[in-house]
Amino acid sequence: MLPFIAGIALGAVAVVAVNNRKEIKEKVIVGATKVKETAIDVKQNVATKVETLKSKKAKVVEAEVSSDK
């Protein structure tokens, strides 16, 4: 009995998906675009923070070298 009910439910989901495929496709494209934009922003933020940390470390190293002389 359970496989029969699961089959009906799966069939109903498939019919709804086929009938709304254009809407689903548009939503997937919009979602993928948002994810791509967010990934680009995160990448830029990480690169900025890495550069900031590198410059701070360079300043510390320069200070240590100057104090050793």
PDB file of N, CA and C in Angstrom:
ATOM      1  N   MET A   1       0.816  -1.192   0.000  1.00  0.00           N
ATOM      2  CA  MET A   1       0.000   0.000   0.000  1.00  0.00           C
ATOM      3  C   MET A   1       0.865   1.263   0.000  1.00  0.00           C
ATOM      4  N   LEU A   2       1.937   1.273   0.792  1.00  0.00           N
ATOM      5  CA  LEU A   2       2.802   2.444   0.881  1.00  0.00           C
ATOM      6  C   LEU A   2       3.482   2.764  -0.452  1.00  0.00           C
ATOM      7  N   PRO A   3       4.004   1.766  -1.183  1.00  0.00           N
ATOM      8  CA  PRO A   3       4.606   2.089  -2.482  1.00  0.00           C
ATOM      9  C   PRO A   3       3.599   2.698  -3.461  1.00  0.00           C
ATOM     10  N   PHE A   4       2.356   2.265  -3.372  1.00  0.00           N
ATOM     11  CA  PHE A   4       1.311   2.811  -4.239  1.00  0.00           C
ATOM     12  C   PHE A   4       1.087   4.291  -3.940  1.00  0.00           C
ATOM     13  N   ILE A   5       0.998   4.643  -2.671  1.00  0.00           N
ATOM     14  CA  ILE A   5       0.795   6.040  -2.254  1.00  0.00           C
ATOM     15  C   ILE A   5       2.012   6.884  -2.637  1.00  0.00           C
ATOM     16  N   ALA A   6       3.208   6.343  -2.423  1.00  0.00           N
ATOM     17  CA  ALA A   6       4.427   7.065  -2.787  1.00  0.00           C
ATOM     18  C   ALA A   6       4.487   7.289  -4.299  1.00  0.00           C
ATOM     19  N   GLY A   7       4.048   6.312  -5.073  1.00  0.00           N
ATOM     20  CA  GLY A   7       4.033   6.439  -6.525  1.00  0.00           C
ATOM     21  C   GLY A   7       3.070   7.514  -6.989  1.00  0.00           C
ATOM     22  N   ILE A   8       1.912   7.575  -6.369  1.00  0.00           N
ATOM     23  CA  ILE A   8       0.931   8.613  -6.710  1.00  0.00           C
ATOM     24  C   ILE A   8       1.489  10.001  -6.377  1.00  0.00           C
ATOM     25  N   ALA A   9       2.084  10.120  -5.203  1.00  0.00           N
ATOM     26  CA  ALA A   9       2.651  11.406  -4.792  1.00  0.00           C
ATOM     27  C   ALA A   9       3.766  11.830  -5.742  1.00  0.00           C
ATOM     28  N   LEU A  10       4.621  10.903  -6.102  1.00  0.00           N
ATOM     29  CA  LEU A  10       5.722  11.209  -7.017  1.00  0.00           C
ATOM     30  C   LEU A  10       5.202  11.592  -8.390  1.00  0.00           C
ATOM     31  N   GLY A  11       4.184  10.924  -8.844  1.00  0.00           N
ATOM     32  CA  GLY A  11       3.570  11.250 -10.126  1.00  0.00           C
ATOM     33  C   GLY A  11       2.946  12.637 -10.108  1.00  0.00           C
ATOM     34  N   ALA A  12       2.289  12.972  -9.008  1.00  0.00           N
ATOM     35  CA  ALA A  12       1.673  14.301  -8.891  1.00  0.00           C
ATOM     36  C   ALA A  12       2.739  15.396  -8.905  1.00  0.00           C
ATOM     37  N   VAL A  13       3.831  15.158  -8.212  1.00  0.00           N
ATOM     38  CA  VAL A  13       4.935  16.133  -8.201  1.00  0.00           C
ATOM     39  C   VAL A  13       5.507  16.281  -9.605  1.00  0.00           C
ATOM     40  N   ALA A  14       5.649  15.205 -10.318  1.00  0.00           N
ATOM     41  CA  ALA A  14       6.180  15.261 -11.685  1.00  0.00           C
ATOM     42  C   ALA A  14       5.255  16.044 -12.608  1.00  0.00           C
ATOM     43  N   VAL A  15       3.965  15.847 -12.479  1.00  0.00           N
ATOM     44  CA  VAL A  15       2.994  16.572 -13.317  1.00  0.00           C
ATOM     45  C   VAL A  15       3.050  18.063 -13.018  1.00  0.00           C
ATOM     46  N   VAL A  16       3.098  18.426 -11.752  1.00  0.00           N
ATOM     47  CA  VAL A  16       3.181  19.840 -11.365  1.00  0.00           C
ATOM     48  C   VAL A  16       4.477  20.443 -11.887  1.00  0.00           C
ATOM     49  N   ALA A  17       5.572  19.715 -11.775  1.00  0.00           N
ATOM     50  CA  ALA A  17       6.858  20.220 -12.248  1.00  0.00           C
ATOM     51  C   ALA A  17       6.854  20.430 -13.755  1.00  0.00           C
ATOM     52  N   VAL A  18       6.267  19.532 -14.493  1.00  0.00           N
ATOM     53  CA  VAL A  18       6.210  19.666 -15.952  1.00  0.00           C
ATOM     54  C   VAL A  18       5.331  20.849 -16.343  1.00  0.00           C
ATOM     55  N   ASN A  19       4.229  21.025 -15.647  1.00  0.00           N
ATOM     56  CA  ASN A  19       3.317  22.125 -15.958  1.00  0.00           C
ATOM     57  C   ASN A  19       3.915  23.491 -15.615  1.00  0.00           C
ATOM     58  N   ASN A  20       4.792  23.533 -14.645  1.00  0.00           N
ATOM     59  CA  ASN A  20       5.383  24.801 -14.201  1.00  0.00           C
ATOM     60  C   ASN A  20       6.866  24.897 -14.537  1.00  0.00           C
ATOM     61  N   ARG A  21       7.309  24.188 -15.549  1.00  0.00           N
ATOM     62  CA  ARG A  21       8.743  24.125 -15.838  1.00  0.00           C
ATOM     63  C   ARG A  21       9.331  25.480 -16.204  1.00  0.00           C
ATOM     64  N   LYS A  22       8.572  26.346 -16.884  1.00  0.00           N
ATOM     65  CA  LYS A  22       9.105  27.668 -17.238  1.00  0.00           C
ATOM     66  C   LYS A  22       9.355  28.501 -15.988  1.00  0.00           C
ATOM     67  N   GLU A  23       8.403  28.489 -15.061  1.00  0.00           N
ATOM     68  CA  GLU A  23       8.562  29.231 -13.809  1.00  0.00           C
ATOM     69  C   GLU A  23       9.716  28.668 -12.991  1.00  0.00           C
ATOM     70  N   ILE A  24       9.803  27.356 -12.938  1.00  0.00           N
ATOM     71  CA  ILE A  24      10.879  26.711 -12.180  1.00  0.00           C
ATOM     72  C   ILE A  24      12.230  27.062 -12.793  1.00  0.00           C
ATOM     73  N   LYS A  25      12.321  27.036 -14.114  1.00  0.00           N
ATOM     74  CA  LYS A  25      13.572  27.364 -14.802  1.00  0.00           C
ATOM     75  C   LYS A  25      13.982  28.803 -14.515  1.00  0.00           C
ATOM     76  N   GLU A  26      13.035  29.733 -14.563  1.00  0.00           N
ATOM     77  CA  GLU A  26      13.338  31.138 -14.290  1.00  0.00           C
ATOM     78  C   GLU A  26      13.831  31.324 -12.855  1.00  0.00           C
ATOM     79  N   LYS A  27      13.183  30.651 -11.908  1.00  0.00           N
ATOM     80  CA  LYS A  27      13.584  30.770 -10.503  1.00  0.00           C
ATOM     81  C   LYS A  27      14.972  30.185 -10.277  1.00  0.00           C
ATOM     82  N   VAL A  28      15.275  29.094 -10.960  1.00  0.00           N
ATOM     83  CA  VAL A  28      16.611  28.492 -10.832  1.00  0.00           C
ATOM     84  C   VAL A  28      17.668  29.432 -11.403  1.00  0.00           C
ATOM     85  N   ILE A  29      17.372  30.059 -12.532  1.00  0.00           N
ATOM     86  CA  ILE A  29      18.327  30.989 -13.145  1.00  0.00           C
ATOM     87  C   ILE A  29      18.551  32.200 -12.246  1.00  0.00           C
ATOM     88  N   VAL A  30      17.463  32.752 -11.701  1.00  0.00           N
ATOM     89  CA  VAL A  30      17.583  33.906 -10.805  1.00  0.00           C
ATOM     90  C   VAL A  30      18.379  33.517  -9.558  1.00  0.00           C
ATOM     91  N   GLY A  31      18.081  32.359  -9.005  1.00  0.00           N
ATOM     92  CA  GLY A  31      18.803  31.888  -7.816  1.00  0.00           C
ATOM     93  C   GLY A  31      20.281  31.675  -8.102  1.00  0.00           C
ATOM     94  N   ALA A  32      20.595  31.093  -9.246  1.00  0.00           N
ATOM     95  CA  ALA A  32      21.996  30.855  -9.606  1.00  0.00           C
ATOM     96  C   ALA A  32      22.730  32.179  -9.805  1.00  0.00           C
ATOM     97  N   THR A  33      22.056  33.158 -10.369  1.00  0.00           N
ATOM     98  CA  THR A  33      22.667  34.474 -10.566  1.00  0.00           C
ATOM     99  C   THR A  33      22.977  35.129  -9.225  1.00  0.00           C
ATOM    100  N   LYS A  34      22.037  35.032  -8.289  1.00  0.00           N
ATOM    101  CA  LYS A  34      22.263  35.603  -6.955  1.00  0.00           C
ATOM    102  C   LYS A  34      23.426  34.912  -6.261  1.00  0.00           C
ATOM    103  N   VAL A  35      23.493  33.591  -6.383  1.00  0.00           N
ATOM    104  CA  VAL A  35      24.595  32.843  -5.764  1.00  0.00           C
ATOM    105  C   VAL A  35      25.927  33.267  -6.374  1.00  0.00           C
ATOM    106  N   LYS A  36      25.963  33.448  -7.687  1.00  0.00           N
ATOM    107  CA  LYS A  36      27.190  33.853  -8.362  1.00  0.00           C
ATOM    108  C   LYS A  36      27.624  35.237  -7.889  1.00  0.00           C
ATOM    109  N   GLU A  37      26.676  36.175  -7.782  1.00  0.00           N
ATOM    110  CA  GLU A  37      27.005  37.519  -7.317  1.00  0.00           C
ATOM    111  C   GLU A  37      27.525  37.497  -5.882  1.00  0.00           C
ATOM    112  N   THR A  38      26.895  36.690  -5.040  1.00  0.00           N
ATOM    113  CA  THR A  38      27.336  36.569  -3.650  1.00  0.00           C
ATOM    114  C   THR A  38      28.731  35.969  -3.574  1.00  0.00           C
ATOM    115  N   ALA A  39      29.008  34.971  -4.394  1.00  0.00           N
ATOM    116  CA  ALA A  39      30.335  34.349  -4.406  1.00  0.00           C
ATOM    117  C   ALA A  39      31.398  35.358  -4.840  1.00  0.00           C
ATOM    118  N   ILE A  40      31.081  36.196  -5.814  1.00  0.00           N
ATOM    119  CA  ILE A  40      32.029  37.220  -6.268  1.00  0.00           C
ATOM    120  C   ILE A  40      32.295  38.217  -5.146  1.00  0.00           C
ATOM    121  N   ASP A  41      31.239  38.640  -4.433  1.00  0.00           N
ATOM    122  CA  ASP A  41      31.405  39.566  -3.319  1.00  0.00           C
ATOM    123  C   ASP A  41      32.269  38.962  -2.211  1.00  0.00           C
ATOM    124  N   VAL A  42      32.006  37.698  -1.891  1.00  0.00           N
ATOM    125  CA  VAL A  42      32.781  37.023  -0.843  1.00  0.00           C
ATOM    126  C   VAL A  42      34.245  36.931  -1.256  1.00  0.00           C
ATOM    127  N   LYS A  43      34.493  36.599  -2.513  1.00  0.00           N
ATOM    128  CA  LYS A  43      35.862  36.484  -3.014  1.00  0.00           C
ATOM    129  C   LYS A  43      36.582  37.821  -2.905  1.00  0.00           C
ATOM    130  N   GLN A  44      35.901  38.906  -3.262  1.00  0.00           N
ATOM    131  CA  GLN A  44      36.518  40.231  -3.181  1.00  0.00           C
ATOM    132  C   GLN A  44      36.796  40.611  -1.729  1.00  0.00           C
ATOM    133  N   ASN A  45      35.852  40.310  -0.835  1.00  0.00           N
ATOM    134  CA  ASN A  45      36.064  40.620   0.584  1.00  0.00           C
ATOM    135  C   ASN A  45      37.231  39.841   1.156  1.00  0.00           C
ATOM    136  N   VAL A  46      37.336  38.575   0.805  1.00  0.00           N
ATOM    137  CA  VAL A  46      38.444  37.754   1.299  1.00  0.00           C
ATOM    138  C   VAL A  46      39.772  38.283   0.770  1.00  0.00           C
ATOM    139  N   ALA A  47      39.810  38.641  -0.510  1.00  0.00           N
ATOM    140  CA  ALA A  47      41.045  39.173  -1.091  1.00  0.00           C
ATOM    141  C   ALA A  47      41.450  40.468  -0.405  1.00  0.00           C
ATOM    142  N   THR A  48      40.487  41.316  -0.111  1.00  0.00           N
ATOM    143  CA  THR A  48      40.775  42.577   0.582  1.00  0.00           C
ATOM    144  C   THR A  48      41.334  42.314   1.975  1.00  0.00           C
ATOM    145  N   LYS A  49      40.717  41.391   2.700  1.00  0.00           N
ATOM    146  CA  LYS A  49      41.185  41.075   4.053  1.00  0.00           C
ATOM    147  C   LYS A  49      42.571  40.452   4.029  1.00  0.00           C
ATOM    148  N   VAL A  50      42.842  39.613   3.042  1.00  0.00           N
ATOM    149  CA  VAL A  50      44.173  39.001   2.925  1.00  0.00           C
ATOM    150  C   VAL A  50      45.217  40.083   2.666  1.00  0.00           C
ATOM    151  N   GLU A  51      44.922  41.009   1.783  1.00  0.00           N
ATOM    152  CA  GLU A  51      45.863  42.098   1.500  1.00  0.00           C
ATOM    153  C   GLU A  51      46.091  42.954   2.743  1.00  0.00           C
ATOM    154  N   THR A  52      45.036  43.214   3.508  1.00  0.00           N
ATOM    155  CA  THR A  52      45.164  43.991   4.741  1.00  0.00           C
ATOM    156  C   THR A  52      46.068  43.266   5.728  1.00  0.00           C
ATOM    157  N   LEU A  53      45.845  41.972   5.885  1.00  0.00           N
ATOM    158  CA  LEU A  53      46.679  41.198   6.803  1.00  0.00           C
ATOM    159  C   LEU A  53      48.135  41.155   6.350  1.00  0.00           C
ATOM    160  N   LYS A  54      48.354  41.029   5.038  1.00  0.00           N
ATOM    161  CA  LYS A  54      49.719  41.016   4.522  1.00  0.00           C
ATOM    162  C   LYS A  54      50.413  42.336   4.795  1.00  0.00           C
ATOM    163  N   SER A  55      49.708  43.437   4.595  1.00  0.00           N
ATOM    164  CA  SER A  55      50.328  44.741   4.829  1.00  0.00           C
ATOM    165  C   SER A  55      50.623  44.944   6.309  1.00  0.00           C
ATOM    166  N   LYS A  56      49.728  44.483   7.192  1.00  0.00           N
ATOM    167  CA  LYS A  56      49.982  44.590   8.631  1.00  0.00           C
ATOM    168  C   LYS A  56      51.195  43.760   9.020  1.00  0.00           C
ATOM    169  N   LYS A  57      51.296  42.558   8.453  1.00  0.00           N
ATOM    170  CA  LYS A  57      52.427  41.690   8.770  1.00  0.00           C
ATOM    171  C   LYS A  57      53.718  42.316   8.256  1.00  0.00           C
ATOM    172  N   ALA A  58      53.668  42.917   7.071  1.00  0.00           N
ATOM    173  CA  ALA A  58      54.853  43.565   6.520  1.00  0.00           C
ATOM    174  C   ALA A  58      55.303  44.711   7.418  1.00  0.00           C
ATOM    175  N   LYS A  59      54.366  45.467   7.961  1.00  0.00           N
ATOM    176  CA  LYS A  59      54.705  46.567   8.864  1.00  0.00           C
ATOM    177  C   LYS A  59      55.355  46.050  10.133  1.00  0.00           C
ATOM    178  N   VAL A  60      54.830  44.931  10.662  1.00  0.00           N
ATOM    179  CA  VAL A  60      55.401  44.336  11.875  1.00  0.00           C
ATOM    180  C   VAL A  60      56.816  43.846  11.603  1.00  0.00           C
ATOM    181  N   VAL A  61      57.025  43.204  10.470  1.00  0.00           N
ATOM    182  CA  VAL A  61      58.353  42.698  10.117  1.00  0.00           C
ATOM    183  C   VAL A  61      59.326  43.862   9.936  1.00  0.00           C
ATOM    184  N   GLU A  62      58.878  44.929   9.280  1.00  0.00           N
ATOM    185  CA  GLU A  62      59.742  46.105   9.103  1.00  0.00           C
ATOM    186  C   GLU A  62      60.104  46.724  10.456  1.00  0.00           C
ATOM    187  N   ALA A  63      59.152  46.771  11.361  1.00  0.00           N
ATOM    188  CA  ALA A  63      59.400  47.315  12.687  1.00  0.00           C
ATOM    189  C   ALA A  63      60.408  46.457  13.435  1.00  0.00           C
ATOM    190  N   GLU A  64      60.300  45.142  13.316  1.00  0.00           N
ATOM    191  CA  GLU A  64      61.242  44.253  13.978  1.00  0.00           C
ATOM    192  C   GLU A  64      62.642  44.400  13.401  1.00  0.00           C
ATOM    193  N   VAL A  65      62.743  44.523  12.079  1.00  0.00           N
ATOM    194  CA  VAL A  65      64.027  44.680  11.435  1.00  0.00           C
ATOM    195  C   VAL A  65      64.648  46.018  11.852  1.00  0.00           C
ATOM    196  N   SER A  66      63.867  47.050  11.927  1.00  0.00           N
ATOM    197  CA  SER A  66      64.358  48.368  12.316  1.00  0.00           C
ATOM    198  C   SER A  66      64.825  48.369  13.764  1.00  0.00           C
ATOM    199  N   SER A  67      64.135  47.667  14.648  1.00  0.00           N
ATOM    200  CA  SER A  67      64.507  47.640  16.062  1.00  0.00           C
ATOM    201  C   SER A  67      65.744  46.769  16.298  1.00  0.00           C
ATOM    202  N   ASP A  68      66.012  45.802  15.412  1.00  0.00           N
ATOM    203  CA  ASP A  68      67.182  44.933  15.556  1.00  0.00           C
ATOM    204  C   ASP A  68      68.461  45.671  15.206  1.00  0.00           C
ATOM    205  N   LYS A  69      68.378  46.704  14.430  1.00  0.00           N
ATOM    206  CA  LYS A  69      69.600  47.413  13.982  1.00  0.00           C
ATOM    207  C   LYS A  69      70.131  48.320  15.002  1.00  0.00           C
TER     208      LYS A  69
END
